[in-house]
């Protein structure tokens, strides 16, 4: 085990101040918030790039751990305890040395804050070349523990379809490039419609991210999409889970 892994396993922090913003994921059938995705921000709300640009091989393991801890601690404080809104946390597969060892602090934080494990979704982006065996080991371990799992940016990465042949996550987030202008692009509609049919056959819930216009939302609803995320509904809110008052009207069923 490397020195970095040992530091992560021992719960050592990282000398990199940061916090989180939360962007809601909506259920269009109910108009309610299905989950809030935790997104890295600077300590005063600075963009993610200001923080991620400082993450390298020397601190990646510890940073990934501290992100999980921060997200759960904030969610436990900000989320309404009477609701079942889930917390979606991004993780770096290359920052997980051994799934059960690296999840120890996450479990301890959830226990300390009282945040239920079945309300946590772990999602990863496949935009970097990854060891598929390692990724599958992580996903299967997380599912065994009781977490939900998700693939982010599906359609923009290296091995999305290949991964699905070996493991079916709870949620697949369709990349925003597939959604952008779908109301004006028949090719995108065909691709998304058939992707949705495939996911339905695999019993995987689709989530369409990057929804920015009413036209895009309308087409997705017509295609049967239930979970959506994007600036049309709500932008990320720094250390907050405020939902704009216009969302209820926007997601109201058509007359």
C-alpha atoms as a PDB file:
ATOM      1  CA  UNK A   1       0.000   0.000   0.000  1.00  0.00           C
ATOM      2  CA  UNK A   2       1.396   3.448  -0.908  1.00  0.00           C
ATOM      3  CA  UNK A   3       2.029   6.231   1.592  1.00  0.00           C
ATOM      4  CA  UNK A   4      -0.922   8.116   0.102  1.00  0.00           C
ATOM      5  CA  UNK A   5      -3.213   5.140   0.639  1.00  0.00           C
ATOM      6  CA  UNK A   6      -2.043   4.778   4.219  1.00  0.00           C
ATOM      7  CA  UNK A   7      -2.772   8.438   4.897  1.00  0.00           C
ATOM      8  CA  UNK A   8      -6.235   8.065   3.407  1.00  0.00           C
ATOM      9  CA  UNK A   9      -6.903   4.893   5.415  1.00  0.00           C
ATOM     10  CA  UNK A  10      -5.852   6.658   8.611  1.00  0.00           C
ATOM     11  CA  UNK A  11      -8.214   9.542   7.975  1.00  0.00           C
ATOM     12  CA  UNK A  12      -5.598  12.211   7.369  1.00  0.00           C
ATOM     13  CA  UNK A  13      -6.962  15.426   5.905  1.00  0.00           C
ATOM     14  CA  UNK A  14      -5.770  17.265   2.838  1.00  0.00           C
ATOM     15  CA  UNK A  15      -4.286  20.769   2.927  1.00  0.00           C
ATOM     16  CA  UNK A  16      -6.772  22.049   0.371  1.00  0.00           C
ATOM     17  CA  UNK A  17      -9.745  24.042   1.734  1.00  0.00           C
ATOM     18  CA  UNK A  18     -12.961  23.341  -0.173  1.00  0.00           C
ATOM     19  CA  UNK A  19     -16.699  22.980   0.242  1.00  0.00           C
ATOM     20  CA  UNK A  20     -19.700  21.774  -1.762  1.00  0.00           C
ATOM     21  CA  UNK A  21     -22.593  23.087  -3.806  1.00  0.00           C
ATOM     22  CA  UNK A  22     -25.725  21.014  -4.316  1.00  0.00           C
ATOM     23  CA  UNK A  23     -27.659  20.676  -7.575  1.00  0.00           C
ATOM     24  CA  UNK A  24     -31.063  18.979  -7.367  1.00  0.00           C
ATOM     25  CA  UNK A  25     -32.234  16.088  -9.504  1.00  0.00           C
ATOM     26  CA  UNK A  26     -35.985  16.241 -10.071  1.00  0.00           C
ATOM     27  CA  UNK A  27     -38.719  13.665 -10.521  1.00  0.00           C
ATOM     28  CA  UNK A  28     -40.882  15.171 -13.261  1.00  0.00           C
ATOM     29  CA  UNK A  29     -43.881  13.027 -12.292  1.00  0.00           C
ATOM     30  CA  UNK A  30     -44.091  14.419  -8.770  1.00  0.00           C
ATOM     31  CA  UNK A  31     -42.152  17.683  -9.092  1.00  0.00           C
ATOM     32  CA  UNK A  32     -40.142  16.646  -6.050  1.00  0.00           C
ATOM     33  CA  UNK A  33     -36.384  16.495  -5.530  1.00  0.00           C
ATOM     34  CA  UNK A  34     -35.221  12.920  -5.996  1.00  0.00           C
ATOM     35  CA  UNK A  35     -31.612  13.671  -5.030  1.00  0.00           C
ATOM     36  CA  UNK A  36     -29.061  16.425  -4.639  1.00  0.00           C
ATOM     37  CA  UNK A  37     -25.686  16.015  -6.303  1.00  0.00           C
ATOM     38  CA  UNK A  38     -22.712  17.276  -4.283  1.00  0.00           C
ATOM     39  CA  UNK A  39     -20.309  19.317  -6.426  1.00  0.00           C
ATOM     40  CA  UNK A  40     -16.873  20.511  -5.330  1.00  0.00           C
ATOM     41  CA  UNK A  41     -16.420  24.230  -4.813  1.00  0.00           C
ATOM     42  CA  UNK A  42     -13.814  26.498  -3.285  1.00  0.00           C
ATOM     43  CA  UNK A  43     -14.258  27.528   0.362  1.00  0.00           C
ATOM     44  CA  UNK A  44     -16.049  30.717  -0.748  1.00  0.00           C
ATOM     45  CA  UNK A  45     -17.960  29.189  -3.639  1.00  0.00           C
ATOM     46  CA  UNK A  46     -15.214  29.344  -6.257  1.00  0.00           C
ATOM     47  CA  UNK A  47     -15.600  27.062  -9.276  1.00  0.00           C
ATOM     48  CA  UNK A  48     -14.607  23.406  -9.144  1.00  0.00           C
ATOM     49  CA  UNK A  49     -11.623  23.995 -11.419  1.00  0.00           C
ATOM     50  CA  UNK A  50      -9.885  26.097  -8.790  1.00  0.00           C
ATOM     51  CA  UNK A  51      -9.839  23.036  -6.526  1.00  0.00           C
ATOM     52  CA  UNK A  52      -9.518  20.119  -8.931  1.00  0.00           C
ATOM     53  CA  UNK A  53      -6.506  21.738 -10.592  1.00  0.00           C
ATOM     54  CA  UNK A  54      -4.666  21.238  -7.293  1.00  0.00           C
ATOM     55  CA  UNK A  55      -5.446  17.508  -7.057  1.00  0.00           C
ATOM     56  CA  UNK A  56      -2.650  15.196  -8.182  1.00  0.00           C
ATOM     57  CA  UNK A  57      -1.160  11.817  -7.360  1.00  0.00           C
ATOM     58  CA  UNK A  58       0.151  13.115  -4.035  1.00  0.00           C
ATOM     59  CA  UNK A  59      -3.268  13.982  -2.597  1.00  0.00           C
ATOM     60  CA  UNK A  60      -5.882  12.257  -4.789  1.00  0.00           C
ATOM     61  CA  UNK A  61      -6.689   9.492  -2.297  1.00  0.00           C
ATOM     62  CA  UNK A  62      -7.119  11.809   0.668  1.00  0.00           C
ATOM     63  CA  UNK A  63      -9.026  14.397  -1.377  1.00  0.00           C
ATOM     64  CA  UNK A  64     -11.537  11.785  -2.570  1.00  0.00           C
ATOM     65  CA  UNK A  65     -12.117  10.687   1.027  1.00  0.00           C
ATOM     66  CA  UNK A  66     -12.515  14.237   2.292  1.00  0.00           C
ATOM     67  CA  UNK A  67     -15.032  14.982  -0.471  1.00  0.00           C
ATOM     68  CA  UNK A  68     -17.218  12.115   0.698  1.00  0.00           C
ATOM     69  CA  UNK A  69     -16.987  13.239   4.305  1.00  0.00           C
ATOM     70  CA  UNK A  70     -17.782  16.871   3.468  1.00  0.00           C
ATOM     71  CA  UNK A  71     -20.750  15.919   1.267  1.00  0.00           C
ATOM     72  CA  UNK A  72     -22.317  13.696   3.929  1.00  0.00           C
ATOM     73  CA  UNK A  73     -21.745  16.161   6.754  1.00  0.00           C
ATOM     74  CA  UNK A  74     -23.339  19.004   4.785  1.00  0.00           C
ATOM     75  CA  UNK A  75     -26.228  16.834   3.588  1.00  0.00           C
ATOM     76  CA  UNK A  76     -26.971  15.699   7.139  1.00  0.00           C
ATOM     77  CA  UNK A  77     -27.208  19.362   8.157  1.00  0.00           C
ATOM     78  CA  UNK A  78     -29.049  20.742   5.114  1.00  0.00           C
ATOM     79  CA  UNK A  79     -31.429  17.990   3.997  1.00  0.00           C
ATOM     80  CA  UNK A  80     -34.929  17.821   5.478  1.00  0.00           C
ATOM     81  CA  UNK A  81     -34.851  14.801   7.828  1.00  0.00           C
ATOM     82  CA  UNK A  82     -38.549  14.132   7.193  1.00  0.00           C
ATOM     83  CA  UNK A  83     -37.934  13.519   3.472  1.00  0.00           C
ATOM     84  CA  UNK A  84     -36.116  10.753   1.613  1.00  0.00           C
ATOM     85  CA  UNK A  85     -34.072  12.938  -0.742  1.00  0.00           C
ATOM     86  CA  UNK A  86     -30.903  11.117  -1.746  1.00  0.00           C
ATOM     87  CA  UNK A  87     -27.339  12.394  -1.819  1.00  0.00           C
ATOM     88  CA  UNK A  88     -25.321  11.788  -4.983  1.00  0.00           C
ATOM     89  CA  UNK A  89     -21.543  11.775  -4.508  1.00  0.00           C
ATOM     90  CA  UNK A  90     -19.005  11.652  -7.328  1.00  0.00           C
ATOM     91  CA  UNK A  91     -16.004   9.432  -6.756  1.00  0.00           C
ATOM     92  CA  UNK A  92     -12.729   8.828  -8.544  1.00  0.00           C
ATOM     93  CA  UNK A  93     -12.194   5.116  -9.275  1.00  0.00           C
ATOM     94  CA  UNK A  94      -8.458   5.739  -9.517  1.00  0.00           C
ATOM     95  CA  UNK A  95      -8.567   7.140  -5.973  1.00  0.00           C
ATOM     96  CA  UNK A  96      -9.976   3.915  -4.523  1.00  0.00           C
ATOM     97  CA  UNK A  97      -7.213   1.539  -3.488  1.00  0.00           C
ATOM     98  CA  UNK A  98      -9.398  -1.234  -2.061  1.00  0.00           C
ATOM     99  CA  UNK A  99     -13.174  -0.638  -1.905  1.00  0.00           C
ATOM    100  CA  UNK A 100     -13.884  -1.900   1.607  1.00  0.00           C
ATOM    101  CA  UNK A 101     -10.809  -0.255   3.104  1.00  0.00           C
ATOM    102  CA  UNK A 102     -11.413   3.073   1.373  1.00  0.00           C
ATOM    103  CA  UNK A 103     -15.095   3.179   2.355  1.00  0.00           C
ATOM    104  CA  UNK A 104     -14.378   2.977   6.097  1.00  0.00           C
ATOM    105  CA  UNK A 105     -14.394   6.733   6.744  1.00  0.00           C
ATOM    106  CA  UNK A 106     -17.504   7.165   4.601  1.00  0.00           C
ATOM    107  CA  UNK A 107     -19.364   4.602   6.693  1.00  0.00           C
ATOM    108  CA  UNK A 108     -18.118   6.177   9.915  1.00  0.00           C
ATOM    109  CA  UNK A 109     -19.274   9.627   8.791  1.00  0.00           C
ATOM    110  CA  UNK A 110     -22.713   8.350   7.797  1.00  0.00           C
ATOM    111  CA  UNK A 111     -23.059   6.644  11.168  1.00  0.00           C
ATOM    112  CA  UNK A 112     -21.869   9.707  13.091  1.00  0.00           C
ATOM    113  CA  UNK A 113     -24.264  12.052  11.271  1.00  0.00           C
ATOM    114  CA  UNK A 114     -27.155   9.581  11.095  1.00  0.00           C
ATOM    115  CA  UNK A 115     -27.362   9.785   7.308  1.00  0.00           C
ATOM    116  CA  UNK A 116     -28.867   6.508   5.950  1.00  0.00           C
ATOM    117  CA  UNK A 117     -26.669   4.471   3.611  1.00  0.00           C
ATOM    118  CA  UNK A 118     -29.599   3.701   1.300  1.00  0.00           C
ATOM    119  CA  UNK A 119     -29.936   7.431   0.580  1.00  0.00           C
ATOM    120  CA  UNK A 120     -26.382   7.677  -0.793  1.00  0.00           C
ATOM    121  CA  UNK A 121     -25.663   7.305  -4.506  1.00  0.00           C
ATOM    122  CA  UNK A 122     -22.091   6.900  -5.674  1.00  0.00           C
ATOM    123  CA  UNK A 123     -21.576   7.988  -9.268  1.00  0.00           C
ATOM    124  CA  UNK A 124     -18.461   7.934 -11.375  1.00  0.00           C
ATOM    125  CA  UNK A 125     -17.527   9.435 -14.695  1.00  0.00           C
ATOM    126  CA  UNK A 126     -15.921   7.177 -17.280  1.00  0.00           C
ATOM    127  CA  UNK A 127     -14.186   9.958 -19.204  1.00  0.00           C
ATOM    128  CA  UNK A 128     -10.735   8.658 -18.251  1.00  0.00           C
ATOM    129  CA  UNK A 129      -9.313   5.284 -19.185  1.00  0.00           C
ATOM    130  CA  UNK A 130      -9.959   2.955 -16.265  1.00  0.00           C
ATOM    131  CA  UNK A 131      -9.224  -0.601 -15.219  1.00  0.00           C
ATOM    132  CA  UNK A 132     -12.639  -2.160 -15.805  1.00  0.00           C
ATOM    133  CA  UNK A 133     -12.000  -5.010 -13.353  1.00  0.00           C
ATOM    134  CA  UNK A 134     -11.164  -2.472 -10.647  1.00  0.00           C
ATOM    135  CA  UNK A 135     -14.260  -0.385 -11.406  1.00  0.00           C
ATOM    136  CA  UNK A 136     -16.509  -3.445 -11.329  1.00  0.00           C
ATOM    137  CA  UNK A 137     -15.046  -4.471  -7.974  1.00  0.00           C
ATOM    138  CA  UNK A 138     -15.820  -1.024  -6.556  1.00  0.00           C
ATOM    139  CA  UNK A 139     -19.392  -0.943  -7.885  1.00  0.00           C
ATOM    140  CA  UNK A 140     -20.227  -4.445  -6.696  1.00  0.00           C
ATOM    141  CA  UNK A 141     -18.771  -3.740  -3.274  1.00  0.00           C
ATOM    142  CA  UNK A 142     -20.749  -0.522  -2.915  1.00  0.00           C
ATOM    143  CA  UNK A 143     -23.953  -2.294  -3.905  1.00  0.00           C
ATOM    144  CA  UNK A 144     -23.283  -5.063  -1.366  1.00  0.00           C
ATOM    145  CA  UNK A 145     -22.820  -2.441   1.360  1.00  0.00           C
ATOM    146  CA  UNK A 146     -26.155  -0.831   0.510  1.00  0.00           C
ATOM    147  CA  UNK A 147     -25.279   2.201  -1.604  1.00  0.00           C
ATOM    148  CA  UNK A 148     -26.941   3.027  -4.904  1.00  0.00           C
ATOM    149  CA  UNK A 149     -24.634   3.324  -7.920  1.00  0.00           C
ATOM    150  CA  UNK A 150     -24.671   5.449 -11.053  1.00  0.00           C
ATOM    151  CA  UNK A 151     -22.656   5.990 -14.225  1.00  0.00           C
ATOM    152  CA  UNK A 152     -22.264   9.678 -15.054  1.00  0.00           C
ATOM    153  CA  UNK A 153     -21.843  11.203 -18.533  1.00  0.00           C
ATOM    154  CA  UNK A 154     -22.968   8.007 -20.262  1.00  0.00           C
ATOM    155  CA  UNK A 155     -22.275   8.256 -23.961  1.00  0.00           C
ATOM    156  CA  UNK A 156     -19.213  10.456 -23.596  1.00  0.00           C
ATOM    157  CA  UNK A 157     -16.741   8.014 -22.073  1.00  0.00           C
ATOM    158  CA  UNK A 158     -14.662   5.008 -22.940  1.00  0.00           C
ATOM    159  CA  UNK A 159     -16.552   1.861 -22.069  1.00  0.00           C
ATOM    160  CA  UNK A 160     -20.139   2.563 -21.062  1.00  0.00           C
ATOM    161  CA  UNK A 161     -21.768  -0.226 -23.063  1.00  0.00           C
ATOM    162  CA  UNK A 162     -19.004  -2.679 -22.233  1.00  0.00           C
ATOM    163  CA  UNK A 163     -19.409  -1.945 -18.530  1.00  0.00           C
ATOM    164  CA  UNK A 164     -23.163  -2.541 -18.709  1.00  0.00           C
ATOM    165  CA  UNK A 165     -22.579  -6.066 -19.987  1.00  0.00           C
ATOM    166  CA  UNK A 166     -20.943  -6.889 -16.636  1.00  0.00           C
ATOM    167  CA  UNK A 167     -22.757  -4.638 -14.164  1.00  0.00           C
ATOM    168  CA  UNK A 168     -26.081  -2.822 -14.216  1.00  0.00           C
ATOM    169  CA  UNK A 169     -26.047   0.231 -11.932  1.00  0.00           C
ATOM    170  CA  UNK A 170     -29.198   1.685 -10.418  1.00  0.00           C
ATOM    171  CA  UNK A 171     -28.944   4.856 -12.518  1.00  0.00           C
ATOM    172  CA  UNK A 172     -27.345   5.903 -15.794  1.00  0.00           C
ATOM    173  CA  UNK A 173     -26.941   9.640 -16.400  1.00  0.00           C
ATOM    174  CA  UNK A 174     -27.129  10.442 -20.094  1.00  0.00           C
ATOM    175  CA  UNK A 175     -24.453  12.931 -21.073  1.00  0.00           C
ATOM    176  CA  UNK A 176     -25.649  16.463 -21.702  1.00  0.00           C
ATOM    177  CA  UNK A 177     -24.336  16.381 -25.264  1.00  0.00           C
ATOM    178  CA  UNK A 178     -27.022  13.798 -26.038  1.00  0.00           C
ATOM    179  CA  UNK A 179     -29.678  16.114 -24.592  1.00  0.00           C
ATOM    180  CA  UNK A 180     -28.536  19.458 -25.986  1.00  0.00           C
ATOM    181  CA  UNK A 181     -31.034  20.642 -28.615  1.00  0.00           C
ATOM    182  CA  UNK A 182     -32.883  17.312 -28.672  1.00  0.00           C
ATOM    183  CA  UNK A 183     -36.110  19.183 -29.463  1.00  0.00           C
ATOM    184  CA  UNK A 184     -34.564  20.377 -32.730  1.00  0.00           C
ATOM    185  CA  UNK A 185     -32.441  17.362 -33.640  1.00  0.00           C
ATOM    186  CA  UNK A 186     -34.172  14.161 -34.854  1.00  0.00           C
ATOM    187  CA  UNK A 187     -30.877  12.219 -34.715  1.00  0.00           C
ATOM    188  CA  UNK A 188     -30.486  12.928 -31.002  1.00  0.00           C
ATOM    189  CA  UNK A 189     -34.091  11.890 -30.396  1.00  0.00           C
ATOM    190  CA  UNK A 190     -33.498   8.541 -32.112  1.00  0.00           C
ATOM    191  CA  UNK A 191     -30.308   7.911 -30.124  1.00  0.00           C
ATOM    192  CA  UNK A 192     -31.856   8.892 -26.800  1.00  0.00           C
ATOM    193  CA  UNK A 193     -35.080   6.971 -27.431  1.00  0.00           C
ATOM    194  CA  UNK A 194     -33.203   3.765 -28.178  1.00  0.00           C
ATOM    195  CA  UNK A 195     -30.844   4.292 -25.236  1.00  0.00           C
ATOM    196  CA  UNK A 196     -33.870   4.669 -22.964  1.00  0.00           C
ATOM    197  CA  UNK A 197     -35.377   1.461 -24.353  1.00  0.00           C
ATOM    198  CA  UNK A 198     -32.122  -0.401 -23.682  1.00  0.00           C
ATOM    199  CA  UNK A 199     -31.930   0.893 -20.111  1.00  0.00           C
ATOM    200  CA  UNK A 200     -35.551  -0.083 -19.504  1.00  0.00           C
ATOM    201  CA  UNK A 201     -34.802  -3.620 -20.687  1.00  0.00           C
ATOM    202  CA  UNK A 202     -31.884  -3.720 -18.219  1.00  0.00           C
ATOM    203  CA  UNK A 203     -34.046  -2.340 -15.397  1.00  0.00           C
ATOM    204  CA  UNK A 204     -31.808   0.734 -15.069  1.00  0.00           C
ATOM    205  CA  UNK A 205     -33.259   4.161 -14.282  1.00  0.00           C
ATOM    206  CA  UNK A 206     -32.199   6.848 -16.782  1.00  0.00           C
ATOM    207  CA  UNK A 207     -31.383  10.372 -15.668  1.00  0.00           C
ATOM    208  CA  UNK A 208     -31.005  13.140 -18.236  1.00  0.00           C
ATOM    209  CA  UNK A 209     -28.573  15.868 -17.221  1.00  0.00           C
ATOM    210  CA  UNK A 210     -27.825  19.230 -18.758  1.00  0.00           C
ATOM    211  CA  UNK A 211     -31.465  20.156 -19.431  1.00  0.00           C
ATOM    212  CA  UNK A 212     -31.427  23.863 -20.243  1.00  0.00           C
ATOM    213  CA  UNK A 213     -34.561  24.636 -22.254  1.00  0.00           C
ATOM    214  CA  UNK A 214     -38.293  24.022 -21.969  1.00  0.00           C
ATOM    215  CA  UNK A 215     -38.182  22.374 -25.391  1.00  0.00           C
ATOM    216  CA  UNK A 216     -35.607  19.815 -24.241  1.00  0.00           C
ATOM    217  CA  UNK A 217     -37.637  19.063 -21.121  1.00  0.00           C
ATOM    218  CA  UNK A 218     -40.814  18.619 -23.157  1.00  0.00           C
ATOM    219  CA  UNK A 219     -39.212  16.075 -25.499  1.00  0.00           C
ATOM    220  CA  UNK A 220     -37.704  14.133 -22.603  1.00  0.00           C
ATOM    221  CA  UNK A 221     -41.078  13.949 -20.880  1.00  0.00           C
ATOM    222  CA  UNK A 222     -42.650  12.700 -24.112  1.00  0.00           C
ATOM    223  CA  UNK A 223     -39.949   9.992 -24.239  1.00  0.00           C
ATOM    224  CA  UNK A 224     -40.882   8.880 -20.729  1.00  0.00           C
ATOM    225  CA  UNK A 225     -37.902  10.266 -18.823  1.00  0.00           C
ATOM    226  CA  UNK A 226     -38.671  10.735 -15.123  1.00  0.00           C
ATOM    227  CA  UNK A 227     -35.406  12.037 -13.623  1.00  0.00           C
ATOM    228  CA  UNK A 228     -33.901  15.281 -14.943  1.00  0.00           C
ATOM    229  CA  UNK A 229     -31.191  17.701 -13.877  1.00  0.00           C
ATOM    230  CA  UNK A 230     -30.073  20.990 -15.351  1.00  0.00           C
ATOM    231  CA  UNK A 231     -29.958  24.758 -15.252  1.00  0.00           C
ATOM    232  CA  UNK A 232     -33.551  25.014 -16.513  1.00  0.00           C
ATOM    233  CA  UNK A 233     -34.739  23.735 -13.131  1.00  0.00           C
ATOM    234  CA  UNK A 234     -31.947  24.797 -10.781  1.00  0.00           C
ATOM    235  CA  UNK A 235     -28.279  25.698 -10.769  1.00  0.00           C
ATOM    236  CA  UNK A 236     -25.936  24.381  -8.063  1.00  0.00           C
ATOM    237  CA  UNK A 237     -26.393  26.244  -4.770  1.00  0.00           C
ATOM    238  CA  UNK A 238     -23.351  26.769  -2.573  1.00  0.00           C
ATOM    239  CA  UNK A 239     -23.742  25.004   0.772  1.00  0.00           C
ATOM    240  CA  UNK A 240     -27.504  25.092   0.241  1.00  0.00           C
ATOM    241  CA  UNK A 241     -30.376  23.006  -1.117  1.00  0.00           C
ATOM    242  CA  UNK A 242     -32.674  25.878  -2.079  1.00  0.00           C
ATOM    243  CA  UNK A 243     -35.038  25.028  -4.956  1.00  0.00           C
ATOM    244  CA  UNK A 244     -36.377  27.913  -7.095  1.00  0.00           C
ATOM    245  CA  UNK A 245     -40.091  28.591  -6.663  1.00  0.00           C
ATOM    246  CA  UNK A 246     -40.567  28.341 -10.441  1.00  0.00           C
ATOM    247  CA  UNK A 247     -39.708  24.631 -10.518  1.00  0.00           C
ATOM    248  CA  UNK A 248     -43.122  23.472  -9.296  1.00  0.00           C
ATOM    249  CA  UNK A 249     -44.841  25.328 -12.113  1.00  0.00           C
ATOM    250  CA  UNK A 250     -42.258  24.190 -14.679  1.00  0.00           C
ATOM    251  CA  UNK A 251     -42.697  20.518 -13.787  1.00  0.00           C
ATOM    252  CA  UNK A 252     -46.471  20.626 -13.393  1.00  0.00           C
ATOM    253  CA  UNK A 253     -48.229  18.107 -15.681  1.00  0.00           C
ATOM    254  CA  UNK A 254     -49.525  19.591 -18.908  1.00  0.00           C
ATOM    255  CA  UNK A 255     -53.229  20.414 -18.869  1.00  0.00           C
END
